[in-house]
Amino acid sequence: MELIKDFSELVEQLKARGCCRVVAVEAHDEHSQEAINRAEKEGWAKITNLHLSTIEESAAEAVRMIRRGEADVIMKGIINTDVLLKAIINKENKAEGLIPPGNILTHISAFDIPTYHKLLFMMDPAVIPFPTLEQRIAMIKYAIRVCNVFGVEQPRIALVHCTEKVSPKFPITLDYEKLIEMCKNGEFGNAIVDGPTDLKCAVCKESADIKGIKSPLEGNSDVVIMPDIEAGNVLYKALTAFTDAHLAVGLQGAACPISITSRSDSALTKYHSLAMACLQA
């Protein structure tokens, strides 16, 4: 897979690959329509846009279409996230949902930041409040898989915290220590996992050098694993509020890629999120 360094390269890859079948759920708002029309005009997506008697029925039918093999990707439109997730998870009858046994549902963001030389992926600013060790393991595995699809052969994954030291005062850093050991033992395949590290050292070699930090990340991270949803959400909102970063978001852990933007997100974010999902399909 050719390395994809920004969203324009992502779209060019999709154009070369052909059409992805998408089922959109209540994507009848202006921004969703603009994203859909652009993707279809460029020829890399064919989209069925559901608008049934209720939003619950639209969500349920989208899940059924995936299960019947009639679509490859789900796109969230102007529908509450919890309504869509209820259909995807289907706690009443898990066999009719889209979460394979043992999988963990989590959120991934991809940022195309003008001041960074490649895409930066982040987990998890929206779904898992306080990740357990098991959930962090799943996050890392999903992040590696997404990076591989984007052509990153050896993803560099930063375990972010406010300190670079492992300490019982911060139990999360003890989990980080276990994750690094797992990586050294080859349990994550061809990847680099290191931390705890502050965010700046994770993405800036000069900052790490000034602080005297020796890390295999070398300030060149592809992925940042945030300590909890609060830190993740603040970074997510800060990047979108104070920078010219472009954004794509989705879910990992389901039986198909899911583009799950906010109802208020721009047409461009919805377009990029759909593109990221289709690349994974």
C-alpha atoms as a PDB file:
ATOM      1  CA  MET A   1       0.000   0.000   0.000  1.00  0.00           C
ATOM      2  CA  GLU A   2       1.317   3.421  -0.999  1.00  0.00           C
ATOM      3  CA  LEU A   3       1.873   5.798   1.912  1.00  0.00           C
ATOM      4  CA  ILE A   4      -0.933   8.338   2.322  1.00  0.00           C
ATOM      5  CA  LYS A   5       0.365  11.531   3.932  1.00  0.00           C
ATOM      6  CA  ASP A   6      -2.736  13.746   3.704  1.00  0.00           C
ATOM      7  CA  PHE A   7      -6.405  13.666   2.775  1.00  0.00           C
ATOM      8  CA  SER A   8      -5.875  14.678  -0.847  1.00  0.00           C
ATOM      9  CA  GLU A   9      -3.709  11.575  -1.310  1.00  0.00           C
ATOM     10  CA  LEU A  10      -6.416   9.531   0.427  1.00  0.00           C
ATOM     11  CA  VAL A  11      -9.016  10.630  -2.117  1.00  0.00           C
ATOM     12  CA  GLU A  12      -6.676   9.912  -5.034  1.00  0.00           C
ATOM     13  CA  GLN A  13      -6.188   6.369  -3.718  1.00  0.00           C
ATOM     14  CA  LEU A  14      -9.954   5.890  -3.531  1.00  0.00           C
ATOM     15  CA  LYS A  15     -10.460   7.130  -7.072  1.00  0.00           C
ATOM     16  CA  ALA A  16      -7.950   4.540  -8.276  1.00  0.00           C
ATOM     17  CA  ARG A  17      -9.617   1.729  -6.331  1.00  0.00           C
ATOM     18  CA  GLY A  18     -13.186   2.057  -7.576  1.00  0.00           C
ATOM     19  CA  CYS A  19     -16.590   2.297  -5.933  1.00  0.00           C
ATOM     20  CA  CYS A  20     -17.409   1.564  -2.285  1.00  0.00           C
ATOM     21  CA  ARG A  21     -20.995   0.717  -1.291  1.00  0.00           C
ATOM     22  CA  VAL A  22     -22.190   3.006   1.497  1.00  0.00           C
ATOM     23  CA  VAL A  23     -25.403   3.023   3.479  1.00  0.00           C
ATOM     24  CA  ALA A  24     -26.048   6.474   4.941  1.00  0.00           C
ATOM     25  CA  VAL A  25     -28.409   6.854   7.894  1.00  0.00           C
ATOM     26  CA  GLU A  26     -30.591   9.969   7.753  1.00  0.00           C
ATOM     27  CA  ALA A  27     -27.927  11.897   5.836  1.00  0.00           C
ATOM     28  CA  HIS A  28     -30.386  14.491   4.522  1.00  0.00           C
ATOM     29  CA  ASP A  29     -28.851  17.604   6.087  1.00  0.00           C
ATOM     30  CA  GLU A  30     -26.994  20.094   3.917  1.00  0.00           C
ATOM     31  CA  HIS A  31     -23.485  19.102   5.005  1.00  0.00           C
ATOM     32  CA  SER A  32     -24.072  15.361   4.648  1.00  0.00           C
ATOM     33  CA  GLN A  33     -25.651  15.881   1.234  1.00  0.00           C
ATOM     34  CA  GLU A  34     -22.673  17.922   0.065  1.00  0.00           C
ATOM     35  CA  ALA A  35     -20.260  15.183   1.195  1.00  0.00           C
ATOM     36  CA  ILE A  36     -22.348  12.452  -0.445  1.00  0.00           C
ATOM     37  CA  ASN A  37     -22.731  14.312  -3.725  1.00  0.00           C
ATOM     38  CA  ARG A  38     -19.007  15.003  -3.917  1.00  0.00           C
ATOM     39  CA  ALA A  39     -18.034  11.383  -3.202  1.00  0.00           C
ATOM     40  CA  GLU A  40     -20.465  10.047  -5.799  1.00  0.00           C
ATOM     41  CA  LYS A  41     -19.428  12.621  -8.399  1.00  0.00           C
ATOM     42  CA  GLU A  42     -15.790  11.623  -7.935  1.00  0.00           C
ATOM     43  CA  GLY A  43     -16.767   7.996  -8.439  1.00  0.00           C
ATOM     44  CA  TRP A  44     -15.419   6.342  -5.293  1.00  0.00           C
ATOM     45  CA  ALA A  45     -18.706   5.809  -3.439  1.00  0.00           C
ATOM     46  CA  LYS A  46     -22.196   4.595  -4.271  1.00  0.00           C
ATOM     47  CA  ILE A  47     -24.546   5.659  -1.491  1.00  0.00           C
ATOM     48  CA  THR A  48     -27.958   4.475  -0.334  1.00  0.00           C
ATOM     49  CA  ASN A  49     -29.409   7.167   1.914  1.00  0.00           C
ATOM     50  CA  LEU A  50     -32.013   5.799   4.340  1.00  0.00           C
ATOM     51  CA  HIS A  51     -34.841   8.016   5.551  1.00  0.00           C
ATOM     52  CA  LEU A  52     -37.503   5.655   6.888  1.00  0.00           C
ATOM     53  CA  SER A  53     -40.507   6.158   9.158  1.00  0.00           C
ATOM     54  CA  THR A  54     -38.318   6.622  12.255  1.00  0.00           C
ATOM     55  CA  ILE A  55     -34.620   7.209  12.814  1.00  0.00           C
ATOM     56  CA  GLU A  56     -34.534   3.954  14.807  1.00  0.00           C
ATOM     57  CA  GLU A  57     -35.813   2.034  11.794  1.00  0.00           C
ATOM     58  CA  SER A  58     -33.280   3.737   9.514  1.00  0.00           C
ATOM     59  CA  ALA A  59     -30.456   2.700  11.863  1.00  0.00           C
ATOM     60  CA  ALA A  60     -31.751  -0.870  12.126  1.00  0.00           C
ATOM     61  CA  GLU A  61     -32.081  -1.191   8.352  1.00  0.00           C
ATOM     62  CA  ALA A  62     -28.518   0.074   7.842  1.00  0.00           C
ATOM     63  CA  VAL A  63     -27.271  -2.699  10.119  1.00  0.00           C
ATOM     64  CA  ARG A  64     -29.376  -5.264   8.236  1.00  0.00           C
ATOM     65  CA  MET A  65     -27.953  -4.080   4.909  1.00  0.00           C
ATOM     66  CA  ILE A  66     -24.420  -4.629   6.177  1.00  0.00           C
ATOM     67  CA  ARG A  67     -25.335  -8.076   7.480  1.00  0.00           C
ATOM     68  CA  ARG A  68     -26.966  -8.997   4.142  1.00  0.00           C
ATOM     69  CA  GLY A  69     -23.826  -7.931   2.281  1.00  0.00           C
ATOM     70  CA  GLU A  70     -25.572  -5.064   0.490  1.00  0.00           C
ATOM     71  CA  ALA A  71     -23.208  -2.358   1.760  1.00  0.00           C
ATOM     72  CA  ASP A  72     -19.615  -2.089   2.943  1.00  0.00           C
ATOM     73  CA  VAL A  73     -19.678   1.070   5.081  1.00  0.00           C
ATOM     74  CA  ILE A  74     -22.129   2.919   7.347  1.00  0.00           C
ATOM     75  CA  MET A  75     -22.257   6.713   7.289  1.00  0.00           C
ATOM     76  CA  LYS A  76     -23.953   8.591  10.137  1.00  0.00           C
ATOM     77  CA  GLY A  77     -26.090  11.521   9.072  1.00  0.00           C
ATOM     78  CA  ILE A  78     -28.379  13.784  11.082  1.00  0.00           C
ATOM     79  CA  ILE A  79     -29.128  11.180  13.731  1.00  0.00           C
ATOM     80  CA  ASN A  80     -28.180  10.959  17.393  1.00  0.00           C
ATOM     81  CA  THR A  81     -25.067   8.855  17.883  1.00  0.00           C
ATOM     82  CA  ASP A  82     -26.694   6.836  20.669  1.00  0.00           C
ATOM     83  CA  VAL A  83     -29.549   5.790  18.364  1.00  0.00           C
ATOM     84  CA  LEU A  84     -27.136   4.513  15.733  1.00  0.00           C
ATOM     85  CA  LEU A  85     -24.921   2.811  18.314  1.00  0.00           C
ATOM     86  CA  LYS A  86     -27.930   1.062  19.845  1.00  0.00           C
ATOM     87  CA  ALA A  87     -28.599  -0.613  16.488  1.00  0.00           C
ATOM     88  CA  ILE A  88     -24.944  -1.423  15.915  1.00  0.00           C
ATOM     89  CA  ILE A  89     -24.394  -2.927  19.373  1.00  0.00           C
ATOM     90  CA  ASN A  90     -27.914  -4.427  19.758  1.00  0.00           C
ATOM     91  CA  LYS A  91     -27.654  -5.514  23.380  1.00  0.00           C
ATOM     92  CA  GLU A  92     -31.025  -7.290  23.193  1.00  0.00           C
ATOM     93  CA  ASN A  93     -29.843  -9.567  20.380  1.00  0.00           C
ATOM     94  CA  LYS A  94     -26.108  -9.234  19.819  1.00  0.00           C
ATOM     95  CA  ALA A  95     -26.211 -11.742  16.980  1.00  0.00           C
ATOM     96  CA  GLU A  96     -28.184  -9.155  14.988  1.00  0.00           C
ATOM     97  CA  GLY A  97     -25.732  -6.344  15.703  1.00  0.00           C
ATOM     98  CA  LEU A  98     -22.360  -5.533  14.167  1.00  0.00           C
ATOM     99  CA  ILE A  99     -19.945  -6.145  17.044  1.00  0.00           C
ATOM    100  CA  PRO A 100     -18.105  -9.478  16.653  1.00  0.00           C
ATOM    101  CA  PRO A 101     -17.633 -11.407  19.929  1.00  0.00           C
ATOM    102  CA  GLY A 102     -14.646 -10.104  21.872  1.00  0.00           C
ATOM    103  CA  ASN A 103     -14.367  -6.849  19.933  1.00  0.00           C
ATOM    104  CA  ILE A 104     -14.247  -3.463  21.644  1.00  0.00           C
ATOM    105  CA  LEU A 105     -15.895  -0.420  20.098  1.00  0.00           C
ATOM    106  CA  THR A 106     -13.669   2.654  20.094  1.00  0.00           C
ATOM    107  CA  HIS A 107     -13.232   5.959  18.294  1.00  0.00           C
ATOM    108  CA  ILE A 108     -10.438   7.007  15.962  1.00  0.00           C
ATOM    109  CA  SER A 109      -9.653  10.450  14.578  1.00  0.00           C
ATOM    110  CA  ALA A 110      -7.273  11.348  11.776  1.00  0.00           C
ATOM    111  CA  PHE A 111      -5.882  14.887  11.657  1.00  0.00           C
ATOM    112  CA  ASP A 112      -4.346  16.519   8.603  1.00  0.00           C
ATOM    113  CA  ILE A 113      -2.445  19.309  10.370  1.00  0.00           C
ATOM    114  CA  PRO A 114      -0.613  21.929   8.251  1.00  0.00           C
ATOM    115  CA  THR A 115       2.285  22.089  10.723  1.00  0.00           C
ATOM    116  CA  TYR A 116       2.786  18.304  10.900  1.00  0.00           C
ATOM    117  CA  HIS A 117       4.432  16.383   8.091  1.00  0.00           C
ATOM    118  CA  LYS A 118       1.965  13.485   7.965  1.00  0.00           C
ATOM    119  CA  LEU A 119      -1.434  12.386   9.214  1.00  0.00           C
ATOM    120  CA  LEU A 120      -1.773  12.049  12.974  1.00  0.00           C
ATOM    121  CA  PHE A 121      -4.234   9.512  14.375  1.00  0.00           C
ATOM    122  CA  MET A 122      -5.756   9.774  17.846  1.00  0.00           C
ATOM    123  CA  MET A 123      -7.661   7.402  20.138  1.00  0.00           C
ATOM    124  CA  ASP A 124     -10.156   7.834  21.889  1.00  0.00           C
ATOM    125  CA  PRO A 125     -11.861  11.222  22.420  1.00  0.00           C
ATOM    126  CA  ALA A 126     -15.475  10.106  22.290  1.00  0.00           C
ATOM    127  CA  VAL A 127     -16.446   6.548  23.245  1.00  0.00           C
ATOM    128  CA  ILE A 128     -14.449   4.948  26.104  1.00  0.00           C
ATOM    129  CA  PRO A 129     -14.319   7.180  29.224  1.00  0.00           C
ATOM    130  CA  PHE A 130     -11.467   5.576  31.195  1.00  0.00           C
ATOM    131  CA  PRO A 131      -9.840   2.796  29.163  1.00  0.00           C
ATOM    132  CA  THR A 132      -8.796  -0.429  30.842  1.00  0.00           C
ATOM    133  CA  LEU A 133      -5.614  -2.253  29.889  1.00  0.00           C
ATOM    134  CA  GLU A 134      -7.687  -4.570  27.681  1.00  0.00           C
ATOM    135  CA  GLN A 135      -9.294  -1.615  25.928  1.00  0.00           C
ATOM    136  CA  ARG A 136      -5.917   0.056  25.363  1.00  0.00           C
ATOM    137  CA  ILE A 137      -4.615  -3.145  23.810  1.00  0.00           C
ATOM    138  CA  ALA A 138      -7.580  -3.092  21.418  1.00  0.00           C
ATOM    139  CA  MET A 139      -6.988   0.587  20.623  1.00  0.00           C
ATOM    140  CA  ILE A 140      -3.376  -0.095  19.715  1.00  0.00           C
ATOM    141  CA  LYS A 141      -4.291  -3.032  17.489  1.00  0.00           C
ATOM    142  CA  TYR A 142      -6.986  -1.054  15.698  1.00  0.00           C
ATOM    143  CA  ALA A 143      -4.654   1.915  15.269  1.00  0.00           C
ATOM    144  CA  ILE A 144      -1.973  -0.309  13.760  1.00  0.00           C
ATOM    145  CA  ARG A 145      -4.482  -1.792  11.339  1.00  0.00           C
ATOM    146  CA  VAL A 146      -5.698   1.643  10.214  1.00  0.00           C
ATOM    147  CA  CYS A 147      -2.129   2.908   9.844  1.00  0.00           C
ATOM    148  CA  ASN A 148      -1.276  -0.122   7.713  1.00  0.00           C
ATOM    149  CA  VAL A 149      -4.238   0.647   5.432  1.00  0.00           C
ATOM    150  CA  PHE A 150      -2.841   4.165   5.059  1.00  0.00           C
ATOM    151  CA  GLY A 151       0.497   2.672   4.024  1.00  0.00           C
ATOM    152  CA  VAL A 152       2.359   3.130   7.325  1.00  0.00           C
ATOM    153  CA  GLU A 153       4.417  -0.067   7.595  1.00  0.00           C
ATOM    154  CA  GLN A 154       5.720   0.491  11.132  1.00  0.00           C
ATOM    155  CA  PRO A 155       3.353   2.769  13.063  1.00  0.00           C
ATOM    156  CA  ARG A 156       4.852   4.794  15.908  1.00  0.00           C
ATOM    157  CA  ILE A 157       2.367   4.866  18.766  1.00  0.00           C
ATOM    158  CA  ALA A 158       2.742   7.338  21.622  1.00  0.00           C
ATOM    159  CA  LEU A 159       1.193   6.646  25.032  1.00  0.00           C
ATOM    160  CA  VAL A 160       0.442  10.200  26.101  1.00  0.00           C
ATOM    161  CA  HIS A 161       0.493  11.517  29.663  1.00  0.00           C
ATOM    162  CA  CYS A 162       1.511  14.632  31.614  1.00  0.00           C
ATOM    163  CA  THR A 163       4.790  13.025  32.689  1.00  0.00           C
ATOM    164  CA  GLU A 164       7.503  10.885  31.140  1.00  0.00           C
ATOM    165  CA  LYS A 165       7.977   8.804  34.270  1.00  0.00           C
ATOM    166  CA  VAL A 166       6.261   5.583  35.320  1.00  0.00           C
ATOM    167  CA  SER A 167       4.832   6.095  38.800  1.00  0.00           C
ATOM    168  CA  PRO A 168       2.272   4.409  41.090  1.00  0.00           C
ATOM    169  CA  LYS A 169       0.867   7.905  41.604  1.00  0.00           C
ATOM    170  CA  PHE A 170      -0.418   7.594  38.041  1.00  0.00           C
ATOM    171  CA  PRO A 171      -1.705   3.998  37.668  1.00  0.00           C
ATOM    172  CA  ILE A 172      -2.203   4.550  33.949  1.00  0.00           C
ATOM    173  CA  THR A 173       1.574   4.683  33.515  1.00  0.00           C
ATOM    174  CA  LEU A 174       1.814   1.150  34.932  1.00  0.00           C
ATOM    175  CA  ASP A 175      -0.478   0.008  32.128  1.00  0.00           C
ATOM    176  CA  TYR A 176       1.722   1.886  29.671  1.00  0.00           C
ATOM    177  CA  GLU A 177       4.705  -0.077  30.967  1.00  0.00           C
ATOM    178  CA  LYS A 178       2.872  -3.349  30.269  1.00  0.00           C
ATOM    179  CA  LEU A 179       1.924  -2.217  26.759  1.00  0.00           C
ATOM    180  CA  ILE A 180       5.541  -1.373  25.937  1.00  0.00           C
ATOM    181  CA  GLU A 181       6.639  -4.778  27.161  1.00  0.00           C
ATOM    182  CA  MET A 182       3.987  -6.420  24.976  1.00  0.00           C
ATOM    183  CA  CYS A 183       5.327  -4.508  21.989  1.00  0.00           C
ATOM    184  CA  LYS A 184       8.904  -5.575  22.730  1.00  0.00           C
ATOM    185  CA  ASN A 185       7.667  -9.179  22.869  1.00  0.00           C
ATOM    186  CA  GLY A 186       6.217  -8.830  19.375  1.00  0.00           C
ATOM    187  CA  GLU A 187       2.564  -8.934  20.390  1.00  0.00           C
ATOM    188  CA  PHE A 188       1.727  -5.905  18.248  1.00  0.00           C
ATOM    189  CA  GLY A 189       3.724  -7.000  15.218  1.00  0.00           C
ATOM    190  CA  ASN A 190       5.734  -4.401  13.311  1.00  0.00           C
ATOM    191  CA  ALA A 191       5.044  -1.362  15.462  1.00  0.00           C
ATOM    192  CA  ILE A 192       6.739   0.959  17.945  1.00  0.00           C
ATOM    193  CA  VAL A 193       4.938   1.693  21.215  1.00  0.00           C
ATOM    194  CA  ASP A 194       6.470   4.011  23.790  1.00  0.00           C
ATOM    195  CA  GLY A 195       5.567   6.211  26.716  1.00  0.00           C
ATOM    196  CA  PRO A 196       4.555   7.750  28.916  1.00  0.00           C
ATOM    197  CA  THR A 197       5.344  10.855  26.926  1.00  0.00           C
ATOM    198  CA  ASP A 198       3.982  14.338  26.853  1.00  0.00           C
ATOM    199  CA  LEU A 199       2.214  15.262  23.642  1.00  0.00           C
ATOM    200  CA  LYS A 200       4.843  17.701  22.405  1.00  0.00           C
ATOM    201  CA  CYS A 201       7.692  15.223  22.734  1.00  0.00           C
ATOM    202  CA  ALA A 202       5.595  12.653  20.895  1.00  0.00           C
ATOM    203  CA  VAL A 203       5.429  14.828  17.779  1.00  0.00           C
ATOM    204  CA  CYS A 204       8.518  17.060  18.021  1.00  0.00           C
ATOM    205  CA  LYS A 205      12.034  15.583  18.158  1.00  0.00           C
ATOM    206  CA  GLU A 206      13.525  18.932  19.146  1.00  0.00           C
ATOM    207  CA  SER A 207      11.344  19.050  22.264  1.00  0.00           C
ATOM    208  CA  ALA A 208      12.356  15.517  23.221  1.00  0.00           C
ATOM    209  CA  ASP A 209      16.044  16.321  22.638  1.00  0.00           C
ATOM    210  CA  ILE A 210      15.873  19.469  24.779  1.00  0.00           C
ATOM    211  CA  LYS A 211      14.357  17.448  27.638  1.00  0.00           C
ATOM    212  CA  GLY A 212      16.960  14.710  27.156  1.00  0.00           C
ATOM    213  CA  ILE A 213      14.319  12.091  26.377  1.00  0.00           C
ATOM    214  CA  LYS A 214      15.498   9.085  24.402  1.00  0.00           C
ATOM    215  CA  SER A 215      12.553   7.386  22.733  1.00  0.00           C
ATOM    216  CA  PRO A 216      12.135   5.172  19.664  1.00  0.00           C
ATOM    217  CA  LEU A 217       9.254   7.474  18.712  1.00  0.00           C
ATOM    218  CA  GLU A 218      11.851  10.156  17.850  1.00  0.00           C
ATOM    219  CA  GLY A 219       9.173  12.854  17.898  1.00  0.00           C
ATOM    220  CA  ASN A 220       7.672  11.279  14.790  1.00  0.00           C
ATOM    221  CA  SER A 221       4.517   9.604  16.091  1.00  0.00           C
ATOM    222  CA  ASP A 222       1.757   8.352  13.819  1.00  0.00           C
ATOM    223  CA  VAL A 223      -0.706   7.695  16.644  1.00  0.00           C
ATOM    224  CA  VAL A 224      -1.367   9.248  20.034  1.00  0.00           C
ATOM    225  CA  ILE A 225      -3.224   7.149  22.596  1.00  0.00           C
ATOM    226  CA  MET A 226      -4.792   9.585  25.039  1.00  0.00           C
ATOM    227  CA  PRO A 227      -5.008   8.753  28.751  1.00  0.00           C
ATOM    228  CA  ASP A 228      -8.781   9.189  28.966  1.00  0.00           C
ATOM    229  CA  ILE A 229     -11.783  10.671  27.185  1.00  0.00           C
ATOM    230  CA  GLU A 230     -11.365  14.032  28.908  1.00  0.00           C
ATOM    231  CA  ALA A 231      -7.832  14.608  27.653  1.00  0.00           C
ATOM    232  CA  GLY A 232      -8.734  13.184  24.242  1.00  0.00           C
ATOM    233  CA  ASN A 233     -11.780  15.394  23.839  1.00  0.00           C
ATOM    234  CA  VAL A 234      -9.881  18.530  24.842  1.00  0.00           C
ATOM    235  CA  LEU A 235      -7.134  17.833  22.284  1.00  0.00           C
ATOM    236  CA  TYR A 236      -9.726  16.984  19.628  1.00  0.00           C
ATOM    237  CA  LYS A 237     -11.624  20.246  20.197  1.00  0.00           C
ATOM    238  CA  ALA A 238      -8.436  22.310  20.511  1.00  0.00           C
ATOM    239  CA  LEU A 239      -7.110  21.106  17.168  1.00  0.00           C
ATOM    240  CA  THR A 240     -10.394  21.870  15.436  1.00  0.00           C
ATOM    241  CA  ALA A 241     -10.946  25.209  17.191  1.00  0.00           C
ATOM    242  CA  PHE A 242      -7.473  26.768  17.053  1.00  0.00           C
ATOM    243  CA  THR A 243      -5.762  25.267  14.007  1.00  0.00           C
ATOM    244  CA  ASP A 244      -6.473  24.807  10.322  1.00  0.00           C
ATOM    245  CA  ALA A 245      -6.420  21.030  10.739  1.00  0.00           C
ATOM    246  CA  HIS A 246      -8.697  18.901   8.619  1.00  0.00           C
ATOM    247  CA  LEU A 247     -10.368  15.975  10.299  1.00  0.00           C
ATOM    248  CA  ALA A 248     -11.750  12.499   9.684  1.00  0.00           C
ATOM    249  CA  VAL A 249     -13.459  10.407  12.348  1.00  0.00           C
ATOM    250  CA  GLY A 250     -14.877   6.924  12.660  1.00  0.00           C
ATOM    251  CA  LEU A 251     -15.435   3.853  14.783  1.00  0.00           C
ATOM    252  CA  GLN A 252     -13.272   0.776  15.150  1.00  0.00           C
ATOM    253  CA  GLY A 253     -14.333  -2.632  16.393  1.00  0.00           C
ATOM    254  CA  ALA A 254     -17.503  -3.155  14.358  1.00  0.00           C
ATOM    255  CA  ALA A 255     -17.920  -5.632  11.511  1.00  0.00           C
ATOM    256  CA  CYS A 256     -17.656  -2.778   8.994  1.00  0.00           C
ATOM    257  CA  PRO A 257     -16.055   0.681   8.875  1.00  0.00           C
ATOM    258  CA  ILE A 258     -18.319   3.381  10.292  1.00  0.00           C
ATOM    259  CA  SER A 259     -18.133   7.104   9.537  1.00  0.00           C
ATOM    260  CA  ILE A 260     -19.590   8.722  12.643  1.00  0.00           C
ATOM    261  CA  THR A 261     -19.271  12.482  12.549  1.00  0.00           C
ATOM    262  CA  SER A 262     -21.067  14.998  14.745  1.00  0.00           C
ATOM    263  CA  ARG A 263     -24.329  16.343  13.364  1.00  0.00           C
ATOM    264  CA  SER A 264     -22.758  19.824  13.376  1.00  0.00           C
ATOM    265  CA  ASP A 265     -19.551  18.834  11.571  1.00  0.00           C
ATOM    266  CA  SER A 266     -18.680  20.526   8.303  1.00  0.00           C
ATOM    267  CA  ALA A 267     -19.284  19.001   4.907  1.00  0.00           C
ATOM    268  CA  LEU A 268     -15.519  18.616   4.513  1.00  0.00           C
ATOM    269  CA  THR A 269     -15.193  16.636   7.755  1.00  0.00           C
ATOM    270  CA  LYS A 270     -18.081  14.378   6.710  1.00  0.00           C
ATOM    271  CA  TYR A 271     -16.445  13.923   3.299  1.00  0.00           C
ATOM    272  CA  HIS A 272     -13.033  13.051   4.756  1.00  0.00           C
ATOM    273  CA  SER A 273     -14.604  10.727   7.343  1.00  0.00           C
ATOM    274  CA  LEU A 274     -16.476   8.878   4.632  1.00  0.00           C
ATOM    275  CA  ALA A 275     -13.246   8.612   2.639  1.00  0.00           C
ATOM    276  CA  MET A 276     -11.378   7.140   5.639  1.00  0.00           C
ATOM    277  CA  ALA A 277     -14.129   4.562   6.148  1.00  0.00           C
ATOM    278  CA  CYS A 278     -14.186   3.603   2.470  1.00  0.00           C
ATOM    279  CA  LEU A 279     -10.419   3.152   2.407  1.00  0.00           C
ATOM    280  CA  GLN A 280     -10.740   0.597   5.207  1.00  0.00           C
ATOM    281  CA  ALA A 281     -13.464  -1.259   3.312  1.00  0.00           C
END
